[in-house]
Amino acid sequence: MALVKKGSRNIAVDGVPYRWTLRRKPTYSQALVWSPLTYAVELADSPGSTLVVTTNQPHPSNWVIEPVSAVAPYAVADAVRTALINGWIPEKPGSPFQLDQSDGFVSPH
């Protein structure tokens, strides 16, 4: 499934153009900081498989703790490189590739 272009951001990783996006509004569990922030990445020109990255930080628009920094482009680029090393083939259609980088996420509850 392709990402919606509206609201997505472009990034080039090692010369390859990608698009990435995160939900503007957190899910209920993200809003309560029960679960960490996730975002999605795909090839910009010919999307195939989507990369879904689970981070170790809360959603910036959560309801519980002070606002946190948003996802930085260098973190997205690092996640793409890590996913490629671990077998993500972005041009091949199929199920989303899950990359769990949530080690260290601690809910305040």
PDB file of N, CA and C in Angstrom:
ATOM      1  N   MET A   1       0.837  -1.176   0.000  1.00  0.00           N
ATOM      2  CA  MET A   1       0.000   0.000   0.000  1.00  0.00           C
ATOM      3  C   MET A   1       0.880   1.237   0.000  1.00  0.00           C
ATOM      4  N   ALA A   2       0.628   2.143  -0.908  1.00  0.00           N
ATOM      5  CA  ALA A   2       1.447   3.351  -1.046  1.00  0.00           C
ATOM      6  C   ALA A   2       1.075   4.387   0.005  1.00  0.00           C
ATOM      7  N   LEU A   3       2.065   5.174   0.400  1.00  0.00           N
ATOM      8  CA  LEU A   3       1.823   6.263   1.342  1.00  0.00           C
ATOM      9  C   LEU A   3       1.092   7.402   0.640  1.00  0.00           C
ATOM     10  N   VAL A   4       0.325   8.138   1.393  1.00  0.00           N
ATOM     11  CA  VAL A   4      -0.330   9.323   0.866  1.00  0.00           C
ATOM     12  C   VAL A   4       0.741  10.382   0.645  1.00  0.00           C
ATOM     13  N   LYS A   5       0.736  11.015  -0.510  1.00  0.00           N
ATOM     14  CA  LYS A   5       1.772  12.011  -0.815  1.00  0.00           C
ATOM     15  C   LYS A   5       1.619  13.275   0.015  1.00  0.00           C
ATOM     16  N   LYS A   6       0.373  13.657   0.295  1.00  0.00           N
ATOM     17  CA  LYS A   6       0.149  14.869   1.084  1.00  0.00           C
ATOM     18  C   LYS A   6       0.674  14.654   2.506  1.00  0.00           C
ATOM     19  N   GLY A   7       1.554  15.522   2.914  1.00  0.00           N
ATOM     20  CA  GLY A   7       2.103  15.443   4.260  1.00  0.00           C
ATOM     21  C   GLY A   7       3.341  14.581   4.380  1.00  0.00           C
ATOM     22  N   SER A   8       3.709  13.873   3.319  1.00  0.00           N
ATOM     23  CA  SER A   8       4.923  13.060   3.399  1.00  0.00           C
ATOM     24  C   SER A   8       6.139  13.932   3.099  1.00  0.00           C
ATOM     25  N   ARG A   9       7.282  13.467   3.531  1.00  0.00           N
ATOM     26  CA  ARG A   9       8.520  14.219   3.347  1.00  0.00           C
ATOM     27  C   ARG A   9       9.464  13.422   2.459  1.00  0.00           C
ATOM     28  N   ASN A  10      10.219  14.121   1.649  1.00  0.00           N
ATOM     29  CA  ASN A  10      11.195  13.472   0.778  1.00  0.00           C
ATOM     30  C   ASN A  10      12.541  13.400   1.473  1.00  0.00           C
ATOM     31  N   ILE A  11      13.265  12.319   1.193  1.00  0.00           N
ATOM     32  CA  ILE A  11      14.616  12.161   1.717  1.00  0.00           C
ATOM     33  C   ILE A  11      15.391  11.296   0.720  1.00  0.00           C
ATOM     34  N   ALA A  12      16.650  11.614   0.519  1.00  0.00           N
ATOM     35  CA  ALA A  12      17.513  10.789  -0.328  1.00  0.00           C
ATOM     36  C   ALA A  12      18.495  10.064   0.589  1.00  0.00           C
ATOM     37  N   VAL A  13      18.558   8.747   0.431  1.00  0.00           N
ATOM     38  CA  VAL A  13      19.476   7.937   1.217  1.00  0.00           C
ATOM     39  C   VAL A  13      20.424   7.252   0.242  1.00  0.00           C
ATOM     40  N   ASP A  14      21.679   7.618   0.318  1.00  0.00           N
ATOM     41  CA  ASP A  14      22.699   7.081  -0.587  1.00  0.00           C
ATOM     42  C   ASP A  14      22.294   7.243  -2.046  1.00  0.00           C
ATOM     43  N   GLY A  15      21.706   8.402  -2.358  1.00  0.00           N
ATOM     44  CA  GLY A  15      21.333   8.736  -3.726  1.00  0.00           C
ATOM     45  C   GLY A  15      19.991   8.192  -4.191  1.00  0.00           C
ATOM     46  N   VAL A  16      19.290   7.455  -3.341  1.00  0.00           N
ATOM     47  CA  VAL A  16      17.990   6.885  -3.709  1.00  0.00           C
ATOM     48  C   VAL A  16      16.890   7.716  -3.048  1.00  0.00           C
ATOM     49  N   PRO A  17      15.899   8.206  -3.829  1.00  0.00           N
ATOM     50  CA  PRO A  17      14.838   9.026  -3.248  1.00  0.00           C
ATOM     51  C   PRO A  17      13.757   8.178  -2.560  1.00  0.00           C
ATOM     52  N   TYR A  18      13.439   8.559  -1.337  1.00  0.00           N
ATOM     53  CA  TYR A  18      12.382   7.922  -0.545  1.00  0.00           C
ATOM     54  C   TYR A  18      11.406   8.988  -0.080  1.00  0.00           C
ATOM     55  N   ARG A  19      10.231   8.539   0.361  1.00  0.00           N
ATOM     56  CA  ARG A  19       9.257   9.398   1.049  1.00  0.00           C
ATOM     57  C   ARG A  19       8.989   8.769   2.400  1.00  0.00           C
ATOM     58  N   TRP A  20       8.772   9.609   3.398  1.00  0.00           N
ATOM     59  CA  TRP A  20       8.441   9.083   4.713  1.00  0.00           C
ATOM     60  C   TRP A  20       7.381   9.948   5.368  1.00  0.00           C
ATOM     61  N   THR A  21       6.648   9.360   6.282  1.00  0.00           N
ATOM     62  CA  THR A  21       5.589  10.083   6.973  1.00  0.00           C
ATOM     63  C   THR A  21       5.321   9.467   8.333  1.00  0.00           C
ATOM     64  N   LEU A  22       4.824  10.278   9.235  1.00  0.00           N
ATOM     65  CA  LEU A  22       4.321   9.781  10.513  1.00  0.00           C
ATOM     66  C   LEU A  22       2.935  10.370  10.726  1.00  0.00           C
ATOM     67  N   ARG A  23       2.156   9.698  11.532  1.00  0.00           N
ATOM     68  CA  ARG A  23       0.799  10.176  11.801  1.00  0.00           C
ATOM     69  C   ARG A  23       0.852  11.524  12.506  1.00  0.00           C
ATOM     70  N   ARG A  24       0.075  12.481  12.000  1.00  0.00           N
ATOM     71  CA  ARG A  24       0.013  13.780  12.680  1.00  0.00           C
ATOM     72  C   ARG A  24      -0.598  13.634  14.060  1.00  0.00           C
ATOM     73  N   LYS A  25      -1.702  12.904  14.127  1.00  0.00           N
ATOM     74  CA  LYS A  25      -2.364  12.662  15.404  1.00  0.00           C
ATOM     75  C   LYS A  25      -1.935  11.291  15.902  1.00  0.00           C
ATOM     76  N   PRO A  26      -1.541  11.193  17.154  1.00  0.00           N
ATOM     77  CA  PRO A  26      -1.118   9.896  17.671  1.00  0.00           C
ATOM     78  C   PRO A  26      -2.303   8.945  17.820  1.00  0.00           C
ATOM     79  N   THR A  27      -1.996   7.641  17.786  1.00  0.00           N
ATOM     80  CA  THR A  27      -3.029   6.669  18.140  1.00  0.00           C
ATOM     81  C   THR A  27      -3.342   6.859  19.626  1.00  0.00           C
ATOM     82  N   TYR A  28      -4.392   6.253  20.102  1.00  0.00           N
ATOM     83  CA  TYR A  28      -4.762   6.403  21.512  1.00  0.00           C
ATOM     84  C   TYR A  28      -3.634   5.931  22.422  1.00  0.00           C
ATOM     85  N   SER A  29      -3.040   4.780  22.110  1.00  0.00           N
ATOM     86  CA  SER A  29      -1.967   4.272  22.969  1.00  0.00           C
ATOM     87  C   SER A  29      -0.695   5.120  22.859  1.00  0.00           C
ATOM     88  N   GLN A  30      -0.461   5.732  21.695  1.00  0.00           N
ATOM     89  CA  GLN A  30       0.671   6.646  21.564  1.00  0.00           C
ATOM     90  C   GLN A  30       0.407   7.942  22.325  1.00  0.00           C
ATOM     91  N   ALA A  31      -0.833   8.409  22.306  1.00  0.00           N
ATOM     92  CA  ALA A  31      -1.191   9.639  23.012  1.00  0.00           C
ATOM     93  C   ALA A  31      -0.991   9.495  24.521  1.00  0.00           C
ATOM     94  N   LEU A  32      -1.239   8.296  25.035  1.00  0.00           N
ATOM     95  CA  LEU A  32      -1.061   8.039  26.462  1.00  0.00           C
ATOM     96  C   LEU A  32       0.338   7.521  26.794  1.00  0.00           C
ATOM     97  N   VAL A  33       1.218   7.488  25.797  1.00  0.00           N
ATOM     98  CA  VAL A  33       2.605   7.037  25.909  1.00  0.00           C
ATOM     99  C   VAL A  33       2.670   5.587  26.398  1.00  0.00           C
ATOM    100  N   TRP A  34       1.719   4.788  25.954  1.00  0.00           N
ATOM    101  CA  TRP A  34       1.764   3.347  26.211  1.00  0.00           C
ATOM    102  C   TRP A  34       2.581   2.653  25.136  1.00  0.00           C
ATOM    103  N   SER A  35       2.642   3.247  23.950  1.00  0.00           N
ATOM    104  CA  SER A  35       3.407   2.668  22.849  1.00  0.00           C
ATOM    105  C   SER A  35       4.205   3.770  22.163  1.00  0.00           C
ATOM    106  N   PRO A  36       5.305   3.396  21.520  1.00  0.00           N
ATOM    107  CA  PRO A  36       6.186   4.400  20.918  1.00  0.00           C
ATOM    108  C   PRO A  36       5.710   4.884  19.549  1.00  0.00           C
ATOM    109  N   LEU A  37       6.357   5.914  19.101  1.00  0.00           N
ATOM    110  CA  LEU A  37       6.116   6.514  17.793  1.00  0.00           C
ATOM    111  C   LEU A  37       6.518   5.558  16.683  1.00  0.00           C
ATOM    112  N   THR A  38       5.729   5.514  15.615  1.00  0.00           N
ATOM    113  CA  THR A  38       6.081   4.757  14.417  1.00  0.00           C
ATOM    114  C   THR A  38       5.990   5.690  13.209  1.00  0.00           C
ATOM    115  N   TYR A  39       6.747   5.364  12.182  1.00  0.00           N
ATOM    116  CA  TYR A  39       6.645   6.088  10.926  1.00  0.00           C
ATOM    117  C   TYR A  39       6.883   5.119   9.776  1.00  0.00           C
ATOM    118  N   ALA A  40       6.501   5.536   8.573  1.00  0.00           N
ATOM    119  CA  ALA A  40       6.582   4.666   7.399  1.00  0.00           C
ATOM    120  C   ALA A  40       7.463   5.312   6.331  1.00  0.00           C
ATOM    121  N   VAL A  41       8.160   4.448   5.569  1.00  0.00           N
ATOM    122  CA  VAL A  41       9.060   4.891   4.505  1.00  0.00           C
ATOM    123  C   VAL A  41       8.816   4.030   3.274  1.00  0.00           C
ATOM    124  N   GLU A  42       8.912   4.629   2.098  1.00  0.00           N
ATOM    125  CA  GLU A  42       8.822   3.872   0.845  1.00  0.00           C
ATOM    126  C   GLU A  42       9.640   4.578  -0.228  1.00  0.00           C
ATOM    127  N   LEU A  43       9.888   3.881  -1.324  1.00  0.00           N
ATOM    128  CA  LEU A  43      10.549   4.508  -2.471  1.00  0.00           C
ATOM    129  C   LEU A  43       9.676   5.636  -2.990  1.00  0.00           C
ATOM    130  N   ALA A  44      10.282   6.718  -3.400  1.00  0.00           N
ATOM    131  CA  ALA A  44       9.513   7.876  -3.856  1.00  0.00           C
ATOM    132  C   ALA A  44       8.912   7.665  -5.239  1.00  0.00           C
ATOM    133  N   ASP A  45       9.659   7.053  -6.156  1.00  0.00           N
ATOM    134  CA  ASP A  45       9.219   6.973  -7.545  1.00  0.00           C
ATOM    135  C   ASP A  45       8.359   5.759  -7.851  1.00  0.00           C
ATOM    136  N   SER A  46       8.715   4.616  -7.335  1.00  0.00           N
ATOM    137  CA  SER A  46       7.964   3.394  -7.627  1.00  0.00           C
ATOM    138  C   SER A  46       7.825   2.565  -6.352  1.00  0.00           C
ATOM    139  N   PRO A  47       6.867   2.946  -5.497  1.00  0.00           N
ATOM    140  CA  PRO A  47       6.746   2.270  -4.210  1.00  0.00           C
ATOM    141  C   PRO A  47       6.449   0.782  -4.357  1.00  0.00           C
ATOM    142  N   GLY A  48       7.087   0.005  -3.530  1.00  0.00           N
ATOM    143  CA  GLY A  48       6.842  -1.430  -3.463  1.00  0.00           C
ATOM    144  C   GLY A  48       6.441  -1.765  -2.044  1.00  0.00           C
ATOM    145  N   SER A  49       7.371  -2.321  -1.299  1.00  0.00           N
ATOM    146  CA  SER A  49       7.137  -2.661   0.100  1.00  0.00           C
ATOM    147  C   SER A  49       7.375  -1.424   0.970  1.00  0.00           C
ATOM    148  N   THR A  50       6.554  -1.271   1.982  1.00  0.00           N
ATOM    149  CA  THR A  50       6.677  -0.154   2.913  1.00  0.00           C
ATOM    150  C   THR A  50       7.490  -0.590   4.123  1.00  0.00           C
ATOM    151  N   LEU A  51       8.355   0.284   4.577  1.00  0.00           N
ATOM    152  CA  LEU A  51       9.113   0.069   5.805  1.00  0.00           C
ATOM    153  C   LEU A  51       8.361   0.748   6.938  1.00  0.00           C
ATOM    154  N   VAL A  52       8.079   0.018   8.007  1.00  0.00           N
ATOM    155  CA  VAL A  52       7.428   0.589   9.189  1.00  0.00           C
ATOM    156  C   VAL A  52       8.441   0.541  10.330  1.00  0.00           C
ATOM    157  N   VAL A  53       8.810   1.718  10.824  1.00  0.00           N
ATOM    158  CA  VAL A  53       9.833   1.837  11.860  1.00  0.00           C
ATOM    159  C   VAL A  53       9.172   2.176  13.191  1.00  0.00           C
ATOM    160  N   THR A  54       9.442   1.349  14.195  1.00  0.00           N
ATOM    161  CA  THR A  54       8.996   1.621  15.556  1.00  0.00           C
ATOM    162  C   THR A  54      10.185   2.210  16.299  1.00  0.00           C
ATOM    163  N   THR A  55      10.031   3.423  16.789  1.00  0.00           N
ATOM    164  CA  THR A  55      11.133   4.131  17.443  1.00  0.00           C
ATOM    165  C   THR A  55      11.140   3.863  18.945  1.00  0.00           C
ATOM    166  N   ASN A  56      12.080   4.464  19.641  1.00  0.00           N
ATOM    167  CA  ASN A  56      12.122   4.349  21.100  1.00  0.00           C
ATOM    168  C   ASN A  56      11.712   5.658  21.773  1.00  0.00           C
ATOM    169  N   GLN A  57      10.969   6.490  21.054  1.00  0.00           N
ATOM    170  CA  GLN A  57      10.548   7.768  21.616  1.00  0.00           C
ATOM    171  C   GLN A  57       9.032   7.900  21.539  1.00  0.00           C
ATOM    172  N   PRO A  58       8.456   8.724  22.399  1.00  0.00           N
ATOM    173  CA  PRO A  58       7.005   8.931  22.349  1.00  0.00           C
ATOM    174  C   PRO A  58       6.620   9.827  21.168  1.00  0.00           C
ATOM    175  N   HIS A  59       5.351   9.776  20.810  1.00  0.00           N
ATOM    176  CA  HIS A  59       4.838  10.640  19.744  1.00  0.00           C
ATOM    177  C   HIS A  59       4.940  12.095  20.212  1.00  0.00           C
ATOM    178  N   PRO A  60       5.367  13.011  19.346  1.00  0.00           N
ATOM    179  CA  PRO A  60       5.508  14.416  19.745  1.00  0.00           C
ATOM    180  C   PRO A  60       4.203  15.049  20.224  1.00  0.00           C
ATOM    181  N   SER A  61       3.058  14.527  19.788  1.00  0.00           N
ATOM    182  CA  SER A  61       1.767  15.104  20.186  1.00  0.00           C
ATOM    183  C   SER A  61       1.073  14.283  21.263  1.00  0.00           C
ATOM    184  N   ASN A  62       1.854  13.611  22.109  1.00  0.00           N
ATOM    185  CA  ASN A  62       1.229  12.818  23.171  1.00  0.00           C
ATOM    186  C   ASN A  62       0.552  13.724  24.195  1.00  0.00           C
ATOM    187  N   TRP A  63      -0.306  13.132  25.018  1.00  0.00           N
ATOM    188  CA  TRP A  63      -1.093  13.895  25.990  1.00  0.00           C
ATOM    189  C   TRP A  63      -0.502  13.901  27.390  1.00  0.00           C
ATOM    190  N   VAL A  64       0.579  13.177  27.613  1.00  0.00           N
ATOM    191  CA  VAL A  64       1.022  12.914  28.970  1.00  0.00           C
ATOM    192  C   VAL A  64       2.271  13.689  29.367  1.00  0.00           C
ATOM    193  N   ILE A  65       3.293  13.632  28.551  1.00  0.00           N
ATOM    194  CA  ILE A  65       4.563  14.240  28.938  1.00  0.00           C
ATOM    195  C   ILE A  65       4.861  15.454  28.064  1.00  0.00           C
ATOM    196  N   GLU A  66       5.856  16.201  28.471  1.00  0.00           N
ATOM    197  CA  GLU A  66       6.250  17.396  27.729  1.00  0.00           C
ATOM    198  C   GLU A  66       6.545  17.039  26.275  1.00  0.00           C
ATOM    199  N   PRO A  67       6.310  17.969  25.372  1.00  0.00           N
ATOM    200  CA  PRO A  67       6.608  17.691  23.961  1.00  0.00           C
ATOM    201  C   PRO A  67       8.056  17.248  23.775  1.00  0.00           C
ATOM    202  N   VAL A  68       8.208  16.282  22.905  1.00  0.00           N
ATOM    203  CA  VAL A  68       9.537  15.761  22.608  1.00  0.00           C
ATOM    204  C   VAL A  68       9.913  16.151  21.183  1.00  0.00           C
ATOM    205  N   SER A  69      11.158  15.958  20.847  1.00  0.00           N
ATOM    206  CA  SER A  69      11.594  16.312  19.505  1.00  0.00           C
ATOM    207  C   SER A  69      10.987  15.371  18.475  1.00  0.00           C
ATOM    208  N   ALA A  70      10.795  15.892  17.298  1.00  0.00           N
ATOM    209  CA  ALA A  70      10.253  15.095  16.202  1.00  0.00           C
ATOM    210  C   ALA A  70      11.352  14.198  15.638  1.00  0.00           C
ATOM    211  N   VAL A  71      10.985  13.361  14.711  1.00  0.00           N
ATOM    212  CA  VAL A  71      11.941  12.465  14.063  1.00  0.00           C
ATOM    213  C   VAL A  71      12.847  13.300  13.162  1.00  0.00           C
ATOM    214  N   ALA A  72      14.131  13.112  13.309  1.00  0.00           N
ATOM    215  CA  ALA A  72      15.107  13.842  12.499  1.00  0.00           C
ATOM    216  C   ALA A  72      15.398  13.075  11.211  1.00  0.00           C
ATOM    217  N   PRO A  73      15.648  13.793  10.127  1.00  0.00           N
ATOM    218  CA  PRO A  73      15.956  13.114   8.862  1.00  0.00           C
ATOM    219  C   PRO A  73      17.124  12.138   8.938  1.00  0.00           C
ATOM    220  N   TYR A  74      18.154  12.445   9.743  1.00  0.00           N
ATOM    221  CA  TYR A  74      19.278  11.514   9.851  1.00  0.00           C
ATOM    222  C   TYR A  74      18.825  10.192  10.468  1.00  0.00           C
ATOM    223  N   ALA A  75      17.846  10.224  11.374  1.00  0.00           N
ATOM    224  CA  ALA A  75      17.335   8.992  11.988  1.00  0.00           C
ATOM    225  C   ALA A  75      16.572   8.159  10.958  1.00  0.00           C
ATOM    226  N   VAL A  76      15.839   8.827  10.069  1.00  0.00           N
ATOM    227  CA  VAL A  76      15.121   8.117   9.002  1.00  0.00           C
ATOM    228  C   VAL A  76      16.137   7.463   8.066  1.00  0.00           C
ATOM    229  N   ALA A  77      17.176   8.204   7.691  1.00  0.00           N
ATOM    230  CA  ALA A  77      18.207   7.653   6.804  1.00  0.00           C
ATOM    231  C   ALA A  77      18.893   6.454   7.454  1.00  0.00           C
ATOM    232  N   ASP A  78      19.200   6.543   8.738  1.00  0.00           N
ATOM    233  CA  ASP A  78      19.822   5.417   9.443  1.00  0.00           C
ATOM    234  C   ASP A  78      18.890   4.212   9.477  1.00  0.00           C
ATOM    235  N   ALA A  79      17.600   4.451   9.691  1.00  0.00           N
ATOM    236  CA  ALA A  79      16.632   3.355   9.719  1.00  0.00           C
ATOM    237  C   ALA A  79      16.529   2.684   8.353  1.00  0.00           C
ATOM    238  N   VAL A  80      16.542   3.465   7.288  1.00  0.00           N
ATOM    239  CA  VAL A  80      16.484   2.900   5.939  1.00  0.00           C
ATOM    240  C   VAL A  80      17.718   2.029   5.695  1.00  0.00           C
ATOM    241  N   ARG A  81      18.889   2.523   6.043  1.00  0.00           N
ATOM    242  CA  ARG A  81      20.114   1.738   5.856  1.00  0.00           C
ATOM    243  C   ARG A  81      20.073   0.440   6.667  1.00  0.00           C
ATOM    244  N   THR A  82      19.609   0.526   7.902  1.00  0.00           N
ATOM    245  CA  THR A  82      19.498  -0.663   8.755  1.00  0.00           C
ATOM    246  C   THR A  82      18.524  -1.668   8.160  1.00  0.00           C
ATOM    247  N   ALA A  83      17.378  -1.195   7.679  1.00  0.00           N
ATOM    248  CA  ALA A  83      16.378  -2.083   7.086  1.00  0.00           C
ATOM    249  C   ALA A  83      16.923  -2.757   5.831  1.00  0.00           C
ATOM    250  N   LEU A  84      17.644  -2.012   5.012  1.00  0.00           N
ATOM    251  CA  LEU A  84      18.229  -2.594   3.797  1.00  0.00           C
ATOM    252  C   LEU A  84      19.228  -3.696   4.144  1.00  0.00           C
ATOM    253  N   ILE A  85      20.031  -3.467   5.167  1.00  0.00           N
ATOM    254  CA  ILE A  85      20.991  -4.476   5.616  1.00  0.00           C
ATOM    255  C   ILE A  85      20.268  -5.717   6.130  1.00  0.00           C
ATOM    256  N   ASN A  86      19.098  -5.509   6.755  1.00  0.00           N
ATOM    257  CA  ASN A  86      18.352  -6.611   7.353  1.00  0.00           C
ATOM    258  C   ASN A  86      17.340  -7.256   6.410  1.00  0.00           C
ATOM    259  N   GLY A  87      17.394  -6.910   5.127  1.00  0.00           N
ATOM    260  CA  GLY A  87      16.588  -7.638   4.158  1.00  0.00           C
ATOM    261  C   GLY A  87      15.410  -6.922   3.537  1.00  0.00           C
ATOM    262  N   TRP A  88      15.196  -5.659   3.850  1.00  0.00           N
ATOM    263  CA  TRP A  88      14.093  -4.920   3.209  1.00  0.00           C
ATOM    264  C   TRP A  88      14.437  -4.695   1.743  1.00  0.00           C
ATOM    265  N   ILE A  89      13.513  -5.062   0.872  1.00  0.00           N
ATOM    266  CA  ILE A  89      13.665  -4.826  -0.567  1.00  0.00           C
ATOM    267  C   ILE A  89      12.556  -3.848  -0.956  1.00  0.00           C
ATOM    268  N   PRO A  90      12.853  -2.547  -0.982  1.00  0.00           N
ATOM    269  CA  PRO A  90      11.806  -1.539  -1.143  1.00  0.00           C
ATOM    270  C   PRO A  90      11.088  -1.576  -2.480  1.00  0.00           C
ATOM    271  N   GLU A  91      11.716  -2.090  -3.523  1.00  0.00           N
ATOM    272  CA  GLU A  91      11.066  -2.104  -4.841  1.00  0.00           C
ATOM    273  C   GLU A  91      10.173  -3.332  -5.030  1.00  0.00           C
ATOM    274  N   LYS A  92      10.263  -4.299  -4.124  1.00  0.00           N
ATOM    275  CA  LYS A  92       9.473  -5.525  -4.246  1.00  0.00           C
ATOM    276  C   LYS A  92       8.138  -5.370  -3.512  1.00  0.00           C
ATOM    277  N   PRO A  93       7.006  -5.500  -4.219  1.00  0.00           N
ATOM    278  CA  PRO A  93       5.707  -5.399  -3.545  1.00  0.00           C
ATOM    279  C   PRO A  93       5.551  -6.523  -2.516  1.00  0.00           C
ATOM    280  N   GLY A  94       4.807  -6.227  -1.485  1.00  0.00           N
ATOM    281  CA  GLY A  94       4.565  -7.238  -0.466  1.00  0.00           C
ATOM    282  C   GLY A  94       4.187  -6.617   0.853  1.00  0.00           C
ATOM    283  N   SER A  95       4.207  -7.429   1.866  1.00  0.00           N
ATOM    284  CA  SER A  95       3.852  -6.985   3.215  1.00  0.00           C
ATOM    285  C   SER A  95       4.844  -5.937   3.707  1.00  0.00           C
ATOM    286  N   PRO A  96       4.387  -5.068   4.605  1.00  0.00           N
ATOM    287  CA  PRO A  96       5.308  -4.081   5.173  1.00  0.00           C
ATOM    288  C   PRO A  96       6.460  -4.762   5.913  1.00  0.00           C
ATOM    289  N   PHE A  97       7.620  -4.160   5.839  1.00  0.00           N
ATOM    290  CA  PHE A  97       8.801  -4.637   6.547  1.00  0.00           C
ATOM    291  C   PHE A  97       8.853  -3.904   7.882  1.00  0.00           C
ATOM    292  N   GLN A  98       8.857  -4.639   8.976  1.00  0.00           N
ATOM    293  CA  GLN A  98       8.853  -4.047  10.318  1.00  0.00           C
ATOM    294  C   GLN A  98      10.285  -3.911  10.830  1.00  0.00           C
ATOM    295  N   LEU A  99      10.653  -2.716  11.245  1.00  0.00           N
ATOM    296  CA  LEU A  99      11.954  -2.474  11.860  1.00  0.00           C
ATOM    297  C   LEU A  99      11.703  -1.956  13.270  1.00  0.00           C
ATOM    298  N   ASP A 100      12.028  -2.770  14.252  1.00  0.00           N
ATOM    299  CA  ASP A 100      11.769  -2.414  15.652  1.00  0.00           C
ATOM    300  C   ASP A 100      13.030  -1.822  16.269  1.00  0.00           C
ATOM    301  N   GLN A 101      12.971  -0.515  16.533  1.00  0.00           N
ATOM    302  CA  GLN A 101      14.073   0.184  17.188  1.00  0.00           C
ATOM    303  C   GLN A 101      13.601   0.748  18.520  1.00  0.00           C
ATOM    304  N   SER A 102      12.696   0.007  19.182  1.00  0.00           N
ATOM    305  CA  SER A 102      12.059   0.514  20.389  1.00  0.00           C
ATOM    306  C   SER A 102      12.815   0.189  21.675  1.00  0.00           C
ATOM    307  N   ASP A 103      13.996  -0.423  21.575  1.00  0.00           N
ATOM    308  CA  ASP A 103      14.782  -0.687  22.791  1.00  0.00           C
ATOM    309  C   ASP A 103      15.013   0.629  23.520  1.00  0.00           C
ATOM    310  N   GLY A 104      14.732   0.620  24.797  1.00  0.00           N
ATOM    311  CA  GLY A 104      14.910   1.820  25.611  1.00  0.00           C
ATOM    312  C   GLY A 104      13.649   2.634  25.794  1.00  0.00           C
ATOM    313  N   PHE A 105      12.554   2.274  25.080  1.00  0.00           N
ATOM    314  CA  PHE A 105      11.300   3.013  25.276  1.00  0.00           C
ATOM    315  C   PHE A 105      10.727   2.643  26.631  1.00  0.00           C
ATOM    316  N   VAL A 106      10.411   3.664  27.427  1.00  0.00           N
ATOM    317  CA  VAL A 106       9.839   3.441  28.753  1.00  0.00           C
ATOM    318  C   VAL A 106       8.588   4.290  28.878  1.00  0.00           C
ATOM    319  N   SER A 107       7.481   3.625  29.167  1.00  0.00           N
ATOM    320  CA  SER A 107       6.231   4.339  29.396  1.00  0.00           C
ATOM    321  C   SER A 107       6.255   4.912  30.808  1.00  0.00           C
ATOM    322  N   PRO A 108       5.762   6.137  30.998  1.00  0.00           N
ATOM    323  CA  PRO A 108       5.780   6.711  32.348  1.00  0.00           C
ATOM    324  C   PRO A 108       4.725   6.102  33.269  1.00  0.00           C
ATOM    325  N   HIS A 109       3.969   5.146  32.779  1.00  0.00           N
ATOM    326  CA  HIS A 109       2.902   4.540  33.600  1.00  0.00           C
ATOM    327  C   HIS A 109       3.351   3.274  34.249  1.00  0.00           C
TER     328      HIS A 109
END
